[in-house]
């Protein structure tokens, strides 16, 4: 299931305080997560900054909004309780509390819409809040969505460029990728291994798995628009049989279902397949063929600092 928006946590947050009394925000988040129905993987999803999970980030915004609406009261550092207004809100809304319900509260409306515009955005980016938990949901997640969309465009363009490369240039790209990933004891060693040709049909190079040369990996790089089938993999495996336990087959295209199944069922050998989609993703991760144009910093208020001693 999708992680619900921050408004979803308004009523559960208040109901928890009404039931259990004064609670630290850490306990509130832990209990809300336990009752959320979200899977461990969903609860582990983090905002782009990595400082918070998406779930706790949204719960943090719910905490801020309820406090600004006067529905909760801060008892001490990080500890909250429900206010009398909060209890009345719970009674008046037995199923759900929305942002519209909070806007009906004058002090909250004044905070969220300083311009006096009743049509101000429902997004938590609307207020200029210094009490937010790690930035605004809309700004943080909108930037994340933009980054993902931009990355996808860059990867699509890289994929197109790969297919236009000459085989020699593609081989050079693979050399650089192998180095970026930390294999081979030197750039020259990787270049000799790949560029020199191994002489065995289906093998493009042999590199050290580590700096000490304690293991070797056999490589095959194929700039193909077509789908790589099982026969190509069998040719590669046959060429290195008895000499290696690890192989990497890289293509600018894709692998057939039969080829992938063959690689999974190999015994006494691990064959790693890297298709065009993963190849361009690795290039972006390693900064190969791409460059960052600008990095934007994200700032947040350290709530614990300001709550110290309260």
Foldseek 3Di string as FASTA:
>chain_A
DAQDALQQCQQVLQVVLVVPPKDFLVVSLVVCVVPVPDDPVQQPDCFPVRPHHLSSQSPQVSVVLCVQLVQWDADAQRMIHGDPVVVVVCVVDVDGDGPVNSCVRVSSVCQQCVVPDPPQDPFPVRGPDQRHDFDGPCVRVVVVVVVVVVLVVQLVVVLVVLLVDDPVVQLVLVLVLCVLVAWALDSVQSCCFQVVADPQPLWRGKTARHNVSPFIETEGEEEDQDADEQVSVVSNCVRCPPPHQEYEYEYSHHYDPRNVVVQVPDPSHHYHYHYNSNVSVSCVVSVNPHDDPDDDDGDHRDSSVVSPPD
